[in-house]
């Protein structure tokens, strides 16, 4: 099997997508209830090989812990063969991301294809992959999810421990994967009154607008996926109302900073 042309060499050019800091910039800015975002990334510890090529057909998450609850994260462009040894020393690659209507994530399932191999010097050897692994490796997680927060789920694929030498230059794949979960952002939430003011709401850090949203029909809003730090929250209402600014709003990792009820004043009569 000649895998050379198929392997996705990542090196230092780590693939970034809208799923990390930019997932907040979706087309649903008019919806106040922002779902928690889960992104699954792949990394590796070093192994005594020149390449460890793993065929990833899909990665799925299960917030409900039942057989019908699996949600696919990968699109067709991201499916394929990854050389794990390009993902060492802090490097990783985004496999997929999703916004979930759930408060808990129970499991992750990694589905492998058959095009797995290792390279030792100039020689390349197929990795025998049991059919059970191709149907899906279930990894337990049990992560509580907060509204408006982005969670980074890292699949730490141990290349050295995952390859079993069988003799006569044959090798099998028995994945050893550690799952690491961490929140990568926080959010700001509150309620605007009166609802008729319908302001555009901006989270501003320094001179940069990091995120923007509008309240829903009950006045509720969430500014999500905000990096940790201090923000100015600006409310720009419609005609007849006075703009409002709240300074020094602290965002902490994995938490929702609540502003409570924010009152937008009407402009005084002339």
C-alpha atoms as a PDB file:
ATOM      1  CA  UNK A   1       0.000   0.000   0.000  1.00  0.00           C
ATOM      2  CA  UNK A   2       1.538   3.298  -1.032  1.00  0.00           C
ATOM      3  CA  UNK A   3       0.309   5.896   1.412  1.00  0.00           C
ATOM      4  CA  UNK A   4       2.853   8.611   0.613  1.00  0.00           C
ATOM      5  CA  UNK A   5       0.561  10.700  -1.595  1.00  0.00           C
ATOM      6  CA  UNK A   6      -2.386  10.406   0.768  1.00  0.00           C
ATOM      7  CA  UNK A   7      -0.844  11.333   4.090  1.00  0.00           C
ATOM      8  CA  UNK A   8      -1.759  14.754   5.408  1.00  0.00           C
ATOM      9  CA  UNK A   9       1.544  16.286   6.466  1.00  0.00           C
ATOM     10  CA  UNK A  10       0.726  18.963   8.982  1.00  0.00           C
ATOM     11  CA  UNK A  11       4.044  19.942  10.525  1.00  0.00           C
ATOM     12  CA  UNK A  12       3.960  23.468  11.861  1.00  0.00           C
ATOM     13  CA  UNK A  13       1.185  24.454   9.501  1.00  0.00           C
ATOM     14  CA  UNK A  14      -1.510  23.315  11.915  1.00  0.00           C
ATOM     15  CA  UNK A  15      -4.941  23.330  10.357  1.00  0.00           C
ATOM     16  CA  UNK A  16      -7.112  26.008  11.935  1.00  0.00           C
ATOM     17  CA  UNK A  17     -10.804  26.392  11.285  1.00  0.00           C
ATOM     18  CA  UNK A  18     -13.706  28.567  12.262  1.00  0.00           C
ATOM     19  CA  UNK A  19     -14.305  26.056  15.038  1.00  0.00           C
ATOM     20  CA  UNK A  20     -11.866  27.634  17.524  1.00  0.00           C
ATOM     21  CA  UNK A  21     -12.008  31.365  18.287  1.00  0.00           C
ATOM     22  CA  UNK A  22     -14.156  32.091  15.246  1.00  0.00           C
ATOM     23  CA  UNK A  23     -17.020  29.749  16.025  1.00  0.00           C
ATOM     24  CA  UNK A  24     -18.724  32.609  17.776  1.00  0.00           C
ATOM     25  CA  UNK A  25     -18.902  34.465  14.471  1.00  0.00           C
ATOM     26  CA  UNK A  26     -21.714  32.375  13.069  1.00  0.00           C
ATOM     27  CA  UNK A  27     -24.767  33.530  11.205  1.00  0.00           C
ATOM     28  CA  UNK A  28     -27.006  33.161  14.233  1.00  0.00           C
ATOM     29  CA  UNK A  29     -26.152  36.428  15.987  1.00  0.00           C
ATOM     30  CA  UNK A  30     -29.855  37.181  16.492  1.00  0.00           C
ATOM     31  CA  UNK A  31     -30.301  34.140  18.729  1.00  0.00           C
ATOM     32  CA  UNK A  32     -29.543  34.926  22.359  1.00  0.00           C
ATOM     33  CA  UNK A  33     -29.214  31.352  23.620  1.00  0.00           C
ATOM     34  CA  UNK A  34     -25.743  30.295  22.510  1.00  0.00           C
ATOM     35  CA  UNK A  35     -25.072  26.563  22.621  1.00  0.00           C
ATOM     36  CA  UNK A  36     -21.864  25.180  24.091  1.00  0.00           C
ATOM     37  CA  UNK A  37     -19.312  24.434  21.379  1.00  0.00           C
ATOM     38  CA  UNK A  38     -17.246  21.238  21.370  1.00  0.00           C
ATOM     39  CA  UNK A  39     -14.174  20.882  19.179  1.00  0.00           C
ATOM     40  CA  UNK A  40     -12.198  17.633  18.944  1.00  0.00           C
ATOM     41  CA  UNK A  41      -8.489  17.837  18.163  1.00  0.00           C
ATOM     42  CA  UNK A  42      -5.816  15.179  17.581  1.00  0.00           C
ATOM     43  CA  UNK A  43      -2.273  15.109  18.958  1.00  0.00           C
ATOM     44  CA  UNK A  44       0.410  12.486  19.602  1.00  0.00           C
ATOM     45  CA  UNK A  45       3.369  11.470  21.708  1.00  0.00           C
ATOM     46  CA  UNK A  46       6.559  10.510  19.820  1.00  0.00           C
ATOM     47  CA  UNK A  47       7.222   6.944  18.646  1.00  0.00           C
ATOM     48  CA  UNK A  48      10.194   5.017  17.254  1.00  0.00           C
ATOM     49  CA  UNK A  49       9.014   5.213  13.639  1.00  0.00           C
ATOM     50  CA  UNK A  50       9.418   7.580  10.721  1.00  0.00           C
ATOM     51  CA  UNK A  51       5.685   7.770  10.061  1.00  0.00           C
ATOM     52  CA  UNK A  52       2.556   6.529  11.813  1.00  0.00           C
ATOM     53  CA  UNK A  53      -0.310   6.951   9.360  1.00  0.00           C
ATOM     54  CA  UNK A  54      -3.814   6.648  10.793  1.00  0.00           C
ATOM     55  CA  UNK A  55      -6.919   6.611   8.588  1.00  0.00           C
ATOM     56  CA  UNK A  56      -9.635   8.622  10.356  1.00  0.00           C
ATOM     57  CA  UNK A  57     -13.055   8.190   8.770  1.00  0.00           C
ATOM     58  CA  UNK A  58     -15.066  10.098  11.359  1.00  0.00           C
ATOM     59  CA  UNK A  59     -15.156  11.434  14.892  1.00  0.00           C
ATOM     60  CA  UNK A  60     -18.499  11.556  16.684  1.00  0.00           C
ATOM     61  CA  UNK A  61     -19.773  12.807  20.027  1.00  0.00           C
ATOM     62  CA  UNK A  62     -22.617  11.472  22.128  1.00  0.00           C
ATOM     63  CA  UNK A  63     -24.236  13.889  24.576  1.00  0.00           C
ATOM     64  CA  UNK A  64     -26.991  11.438  25.536  1.00  0.00           C
ATOM     65  CA  UNK A  65     -24.987   8.235  26.157  1.00  0.00           C
ATOM     66  CA  UNK A  66     -27.293   6.037  24.036  1.00  0.00           C
ATOM     67  CA  UNK A  67     -26.903   4.312  20.689  1.00  0.00           C
ATOM     68  CA  UNK A  68     -29.034   6.858  18.832  1.00  0.00           C
ATOM     69  CA  UNK A  69     -27.252   9.910  20.175  1.00  0.00           C
ATOM     70  CA  UNK A  70     -24.114   9.995  17.991  1.00  0.00           C
ATOM     71  CA  UNK A  71     -23.373  13.248  16.133  1.00  0.00           C
ATOM     72  CA  UNK A  72     -20.731  13.389  13.387  1.00  0.00           C
ATOM     73  CA  UNK A  73     -18.205  16.229  13.512  1.00  0.00           C
ATOM     74  CA  UNK A  74     -16.058  15.639  10.423  1.00  0.00           C
ATOM     75  CA  UNK A  75     -16.743  16.784   6.887  1.00  0.00           C
ATOM     76  CA  UNK A  76     -15.483  14.949   3.820  1.00  0.00           C
ATOM     77  CA  UNK A  77     -12.526  17.295   3.321  1.00  0.00           C
ATOM     78  CA  UNK A  78     -11.111  16.461   6.765  1.00  0.00           C
ATOM     79  CA  UNK A  79     -11.478  12.695   6.529  1.00  0.00           C
ATOM     80  CA  UNK A  80      -8.376  10.749   5.535  1.00  0.00           C
ATOM     81  CA  UNK A  81      -4.891   9.690   6.643  1.00  0.00           C
ATOM     82  CA  UNK A  82      -2.976  11.644   9.296  1.00  0.00           C
ATOM     83  CA  UNK A  83       0.697  11.138  10.115  1.00  0.00           C
ATOM     84  CA  UNK A  84       0.660  11.196  13.926  1.00  0.00           C
ATOM     85  CA  UNK A  85       4.368  12.000  14.113  1.00  0.00           C
ATOM     86  CA  UNK A  86       3.708  15.481  12.704  1.00  0.00           C
ATOM     87  CA  UNK A  87       1.520  16.112  15.756  1.00  0.00           C
ATOM     88  CA  UNK A  88       4.114  16.075  18.546  1.00  0.00           C
ATOM     89  CA  UNK A  89       5.619  18.794  20.773  1.00  0.00           C
ATOM     90  CA  UNK A  90       2.352  20.638  21.284  1.00  0.00           C
ATOM     91  CA  UNK A  91       1.103  20.408  17.696  1.00  0.00           C
ATOM     92  CA  UNK A  92      -2.476  19.297  17.054  1.00  0.00           C
ATOM     93  CA  UNK A  93      -5.102  19.361  14.333  1.00  0.00           C
ATOM     94  CA  UNK A  94      -8.808  20.124  14.468  1.00  0.00           C
ATOM     95  CA  UNK A  95     -10.903  17.124  13.394  1.00  0.00           C
ATOM     96  CA  UNK A  96     -14.285  18.823  13.762  1.00  0.00           C
ATOM     97  CA  UNK A  97     -16.532  20.957  15.957  1.00  0.00           C
ATOM     98  CA  UNK A  98     -20.218  21.197  16.806  1.00  0.00           C
ATOM     99  CA  UNK A  99     -22.639  23.296  18.871  1.00  0.00           C
ATOM    100  CA  UNK A 100     -24.661  21.053  21.185  1.00  0.00           C
ATOM    101  CA  UNK A 101     -28.084  21.438  22.763  1.00  0.00           C
ATOM    102  CA  UNK A 102     -26.909  19.590  25.844  1.00  0.00           C
ATOM    103  CA  UNK A 103     -25.484  20.174  29.305  1.00  0.00           C
ATOM    104  CA  UNK A 104     -23.263  17.082  29.353  1.00  0.00           C
ATOM    105  CA  UNK A 105     -21.057  15.217  26.874  1.00  0.00           C
ATOM    106  CA  UNK A 106     -20.776  11.502  27.633  1.00  0.00           C
ATOM    107  CA  UNK A 107     -18.677   9.831  24.936  1.00  0.00           C
ATOM    108  CA  UNK A 108     -16.546  10.309  21.832  1.00  0.00           C
ATOM    109  CA  UNK A 109     -16.307   7.690  19.081  1.00  0.00           C
ATOM    110  CA  UNK A 110     -13.337   7.544  16.706  1.00  0.00           C
ATOM    111  CA  UNK A 111     -14.004   5.592  13.501  1.00  0.00           C
ATOM    112  CA  UNK A 112     -10.941   4.291  11.663  1.00  0.00           C
ATOM    113  CA  UNK A 113     -10.550   3.171   8.070  1.00  0.00           C
ATOM    114  CA  UNK A 114      -8.274   0.435   6.728  1.00  0.00           C
ATOM    115  CA  UNK A 115      -5.467   2.596   5.282  1.00  0.00           C
ATOM    116  CA  UNK A 116      -3.261   2.520   8.384  1.00  0.00           C
ATOM    117  CA  UNK A 117       0.482   2.047   8.093  1.00  0.00           C
ATOM    118  CA  UNK A 118       3.887   2.777   9.592  1.00  0.00           C
ATOM    119  CA  UNK A 119       7.127   3.720   7.888  1.00  0.00           C
ATOM    120  CA  UNK A 120      10.518   2.573   9.159  1.00  0.00           C
ATOM    121  CA  UNK A 121      13.360   3.990   7.092  1.00  0.00           C
ATOM    122  CA  UNK A 122      12.354   3.493   3.466  1.00  0.00           C
ATOM    123  CA  UNK A 123      10.052   0.559   4.208  1.00  0.00           C
ATOM    124  CA  UNK A 124       6.313   0.938   4.737  1.00  0.00           C
ATOM    125  CA  UNK A 125       4.182  -1.667   6.517  1.00  0.00           C
ATOM    126  CA  UNK A 126       0.426  -2.027   6.751  1.00  0.00           C
ATOM    127  CA  UNK A 127      -1.089  -1.898  10.214  1.00  0.00           C
ATOM    128  CA  UNK A 128      -3.578  -4.692  10.754  1.00  0.00           C
ATOM    129  CA  UNK A 129      -6.726  -3.010  12.055  1.00  0.00           C
ATOM    130  CA  UNK A 130      -9.423  -5.150  13.714  1.00  0.00           C
ATOM    131  CA  UNK A 131     -12.937  -4.590  12.393  1.00  0.00           C
ATOM    132  CA  UNK A 132     -14.162  -3.604  15.865  1.00  0.00           C
ATOM    133  CA  UNK A 133     -11.887  -0.568  15.752  1.00  0.00           C
ATOM    134  CA  UNK A 134     -13.232   0.384  12.345  1.00  0.00           C
ATOM    135  CA  UNK A 135     -16.788   0.345  13.706  1.00  0.00           C
ATOM    136  CA  UNK A 136     -15.785   2.854  16.345  1.00  0.00           C
ATOM    137  CA  UNK A 137     -13.524   3.270  19.363  1.00  0.00           C
ATOM    138  CA  UNK A 138     -15.659   4.566  22.225  1.00  0.00           C
ATOM    139  CA  UNK A 139     -13.896   6.967  24.571  1.00  0.00           C
ATOM    140  CA  UNK A 140     -15.607   8.027  27.794  1.00  0.00           C
ATOM    141  CA  UNK A 141     -15.557  11.699  28.703  1.00  0.00           C
ATOM    142  CA  UNK A 142     -18.395  12.860  31.046  1.00  0.00           C
ATOM    143  CA  UNK A 143     -17.880  16.596  30.502  1.00  0.00           C
ATOM    144  CA  UNK A 144     -20.386  19.121  31.880  1.00  0.00           C
ATOM    145  CA  UNK A 145     -21.108  21.827  29.289  1.00  0.00           C
ATOM    146  CA  UNK A 146     -21.897  25.467  30.029  1.00  0.00           C
ATOM    147  CA  UNK A 147     -23.924  27.621  27.637  1.00  0.00           C
ATOM    148  CA  UNK A 148     -21.759  29.902  25.522  1.00  0.00           C
ATOM    149  CA  UNK A 149     -18.446  28.204  26.390  1.00  0.00           C
ATOM    150  CA  UNK A 150     -16.101  26.490  23.925  1.00  0.00           C
ATOM    151  CA  UNK A 151     -14.580  23.159  24.983  1.00  0.00           C
ATOM    152  CA  UNK A 152     -11.386  21.735  23.500  1.00  0.00           C
ATOM    153  CA  UNK A 153     -11.346  17.918  23.551  1.00  0.00           C
ATOM    154  CA  UNK A 154      -7.859  16.608  22.825  1.00  0.00           C
ATOM    155  CA  UNK A 155      -7.367  13.013  21.661  1.00  0.00           C
ATOM    156  CA  UNK A 156      -3.809  12.184  22.701  1.00  0.00           C
ATOM    157  CA  UNK A 157      -2.986   9.193  20.455  1.00  0.00           C
ATOM    158  CA  UNK A 158       0.032   7.356  21.873  1.00  0.00           C
ATOM    159  CA  UNK A 159       1.787   6.097  18.736  1.00  0.00           C
ATOM    160  CA  UNK A 160       4.466   4.134  20.607  1.00  0.00           C
ATOM    161  CA  UNK A 161       1.971   2.141  22.716  1.00  0.00           C
ATOM    162  CA  UNK A 162      -0.606   1.754  19.934  1.00  0.00           C
ATOM    163  CA  UNK A 163       1.547  -0.331  17.571  1.00  0.00           C
ATOM    164  CA  UNK A 164       2.119  -4.017  18.318  1.00  0.00           C
ATOM    165  CA  UNK A 165       4.927  -5.889  16.534  1.00  0.00           C
ATOM    166  CA  UNK A 166       3.699  -9.376  15.526  1.00  0.00           C
ATOM    167  CA  UNK A 167       6.927 -10.710  13.991  1.00  0.00           C
ATOM    168  CA  UNK A 168       8.022 -11.179  10.350  1.00  0.00           C
ATOM    169  CA  UNK A 169       7.646  -7.423   9.722  1.00  0.00           C
ATOM    170  CA  UNK A 170       3.935  -7.435  10.533  1.00  0.00           C
ATOM    171  CA  UNK A 171       2.314  -4.931  12.853  1.00  0.00           C
ATOM    172  CA  UNK A 172      -1.143  -4.377  14.287  1.00  0.00           C
ATOM    173  CA  UNK A 173      -2.904  -1.268  15.522  1.00  0.00           C
ATOM    174  CA  UNK A 174      -4.268  -1.279  19.063  1.00  0.00           C
ATOM    175  CA  UNK A 175      -5.016   2.395  19.790  1.00  0.00           C
ATOM    176  CA  UNK A 176      -4.096   3.813  23.171  1.00  0.00           C
ATOM    177  CA  UNK A 177      -5.775   7.212  23.414  1.00  0.00           C
ATOM    178  CA  UNK A 178      -5.970   9.611  26.336  1.00  0.00           C
ATOM    179  CA  UNK A 179      -8.870  12.092  26.303  1.00  0.00           C
ATOM    180  CA  UNK A 180      -8.135  15.566  27.678  1.00  0.00           C
ATOM    181  CA  UNK A 181     -10.902  18.141  28.043  1.00  0.00           C
ATOM    182  CA  UNK A 182     -10.561  21.824  28.817  1.00  0.00           C
ATOM    183  CA  UNK A 183     -12.631  24.945  28.452  1.00  0.00           C
ATOM    184  CA  UNK A 184     -10.963  27.474  26.156  1.00  0.00           C
ATOM    185  CA  UNK A 185     -13.232  30.473  26.660  1.00  0.00           C
ATOM    186  CA  UNK A 186     -15.908  32.123  28.763  1.00  0.00           C
ATOM    187  CA  UNK A 187     -18.994  34.169  27.990  1.00  0.00           C
ATOM    188  CA  UNK A 188     -21.050  37.182  29.069  1.00  0.00           C
ATOM    189  CA  UNK A 189     -24.823  36.939  29.509  1.00  0.00           C
ATOM    190  CA  UNK A 190     -27.686  39.104  30.691  1.00  0.00           C
ATOM    191  CA  UNK A 191     -31.132  40.488  29.943  1.00  0.00           C
ATOM    192  CA  UNK A 192     -31.944  43.792  28.269  1.00  0.00           C
ATOM    193  CA  UNK A 193     -34.962  45.847  29.251  1.00  0.00           C
ATOM    194  CA  UNK A 194     -37.062  47.136  27.620  1.00  0.00           C
ATOM    195  CA  UNK A 195     -37.102  44.516  24.878  1.00  0.00           C
ATOM    196  CA  UNK A 196     -38.173  47.187  22.369  1.00  0.00           C
ATOM    197  CA  UNK A 197     -34.727  48.809  22.622  1.00  0.00           C
ATOM    198  CA  UNK A 198     -33.286  45.761  20.752  1.00  0.00           C
ATOM    199  CA  UNK A 199     -29.657  46.903  20.941  1.00  0.00           C
ATOM    200  CA  UNK A 200     -26.706  45.525  19.059  1.00  0.00           C
ATOM    201  CA  UNK A 201     -24.406  44.270  21.827  1.00  0.00           C
ATOM    202  CA  UNK A 202     -20.620  44.269  21.461  1.00  0.00           C
ATOM    203  CA  UNK A 203     -17.867  42.641  23.555  1.00  0.00           C
ATOM    204  CA  UNK A 204     -14.830  44.895  23.097  1.00  0.00           C
ATOM    205  CA  UNK A 205     -11.315  44.132  24.326  1.00  0.00           C
ATOM    206  CA  UNK A 206      -8.930  47.021  23.847  1.00  0.00           C
ATOM    207  CA  UNK A 207      -9.741  48.336  20.382  1.00  0.00           C
ATOM    208  CA  UNK A 208     -11.006  45.013  19.047  1.00  0.00           C
ATOM    209  CA  UNK A 209     -14.637  43.901  18.867  1.00  0.00           C
ATOM    210  CA  UNK A 210     -14.388  40.217  19.780  1.00  0.00           C
ATOM    211  CA  UNK A 211     -18.045  39.258  19.419  1.00  0.00           C
ATOM    212  CA  UNK A 212     -21.454  40.786  18.819  1.00  0.00           C
ATOM    213  CA  UNK A 213     -25.045  39.671  19.271  1.00  0.00           C
ATOM    214  CA  UNK A 214     -28.628  40.874  19.784  1.00  0.00           C
ATOM    215  CA  UNK A 215     -31.147  39.935  22.473  1.00  0.00           C
ATOM    216  CA  UNK A 216     -33.942  37.464  21.818  1.00  0.00           C
ATOM    217  CA  UNK A 217     -37.654  38.299  22.116  1.00  0.00           C
ATOM    218  CA  UNK A 218     -37.385  38.073  25.922  1.00  0.00           C
ATOM    219  CA  UNK A 219     -34.391  40.407  26.043  1.00  0.00           C
ATOM    220  CA  UNK A 220     -31.867  37.670  26.883  1.00  0.00           C
ATOM    221  CA  UNK A 221     -28.395  37.692  25.309  1.00  0.00           C
ATOM    222  CA  UNK A 222     -25.124  35.731  25.376  1.00  0.00           C
ATOM    223  CA  UNK A 223     -21.751  36.844  24.045  1.00  0.00           C
ATOM    224  CA  UNK A 224     -19.940  33.519  23.720  1.00  0.00           C
ATOM    225  CA  UNK A 225     -16.486  32.076  23.007  1.00  0.00           C
ATOM    226  CA  UNK A 226     -14.648  35.016  24.556  1.00  0.00           C
ATOM    227  CA  UNK A 227     -10.970  34.613  25.451  1.00  0.00           C
ATOM    228  CA  UNK A 228     -10.171  35.259  29.108  1.00  0.00           C
ATOM    229  CA  UNK A 229      -9.741  38.935  29.964  1.00  0.00           C
ATOM    230  CA  UNK A 230     -11.461  42.225  30.689  1.00  0.00           C
ATOM    231  CA  UNK A 231     -14.116  43.582  28.326  1.00  0.00           C
ATOM    232  CA  UNK A 232     -16.176  46.663  27.625  1.00  0.00           C
ATOM    233  CA  UNK A 233     -19.747  45.695  26.745  1.00  0.00           C
ATOM    234  CA  UNK A 234     -21.423  48.252  24.503  1.00  0.00           C
ATOM    235  CA  UNK A 235     -25.185  48.438  23.876  1.00  0.00           C
ATOM    236  CA  UNK A 236     -26.246  50.305  20.716  1.00  0.00           C
ATOM    237  CA  UNK A 237     -30.070  50.467  20.741  1.00  0.00           C
ATOM    238  CA  UNK A 238     -32.548  51.579  18.109  1.00  0.00           C
ATOM    239  CA  UNK A 239     -33.930  55.090  17.660  1.00  0.00           C
ATOM    240  CA  UNK A 240     -35.408  56.650  20.774  1.00  0.00           C
ATOM    241  CA  UNK A 241     -32.993  54.977  23.237  1.00  0.00           C
ATOM    242  CA  UNK A 242     -29.660  55.995  24.761  1.00  0.00           C
ATOM    243  CA  UNK A 243     -26.521  53.878  24.117  1.00  0.00           C
ATOM    244  CA  UNK A 244     -24.989  52.249  27.197  1.00  0.00           C
ATOM    245  CA  UNK A 245     -21.510  50.972  28.062  1.00  0.00           C
ATOM    246  CA  UNK A 246     -20.482  48.656  30.909  1.00  0.00           C
ATOM    247  CA  UNK A 247     -16.736  48.673  31.574  1.00  0.00           C
ATOM    248  CA  UNK A 248     -14.384  46.185  33.193  1.00  0.00           C
ATOM    249  CA  UNK A 249     -16.440  43.026  32.675  1.00  0.00           C
ATOM    250  CA  UNK A 250     -14.216  40.080  33.609  1.00  0.00           C
ATOM    251  CA  UNK A 251     -14.372  36.842  31.589  1.00  0.00           C
ATOM    252  CA  UNK A 252     -12.889  33.743  33.207  1.00  0.00           C
ATOM    253  CA  UNK A 253     -12.168  30.310  31.776  1.00  0.00           C
ATOM    254  CA  UNK A 254     -15.200  28.039  31.466  1.00  0.00           C
ATOM    255  CA  UNK A 255     -17.555  30.451  33.219  1.00  0.00           C
ATOM    256  CA  UNK A 256     -20.486  32.672  32.298  1.00  0.00           C
ATOM    257  CA  UNK A 257     -20.232  36.244  33.609  1.00  0.00           C
ATOM    258  CA  UNK A 258     -23.783  37.445  34.264  1.00  0.00           C
ATOM    259  CA  UNK A 259     -24.623  41.134  33.938  1.00  0.00           C
ATOM    260  CA  UNK A 260     -28.142  40.641  35.249  1.00  0.00           C
ATOM    261  CA  UNK A 261     -30.762  43.050  33.917  1.00  0.00           C
ATOM    262  CA  UNK A 262     -29.355  45.873  31.811  1.00  0.00           C
ATOM    263  CA  UNK A 263     -31.731  48.826  31.542  1.00  0.00           C
ATOM    264  CA  UNK A 264     -31.614  50.900  28.347  1.00  0.00           C
ATOM    265  CA  UNK A 265     -32.914  54.411  28.962  1.00  0.00           C
ATOM    266  CA  UNK A 266     -35.235  56.220  26.589  1.00  0.00           C
ATOM    267  CA  UNK A 267     -34.044  59.471  25.102  1.00  0.00           C
ATOM    268  CA  UNK A 268     -35.530  62.454  26.931  1.00  0.00           C
ATOM    269  CA  UNK A 269     -38.204  64.404  25.024  1.00  0.00           C
ATOM    270  CA  UNK A 270     -37.052  67.514  23.203  1.00  0.00           C
END
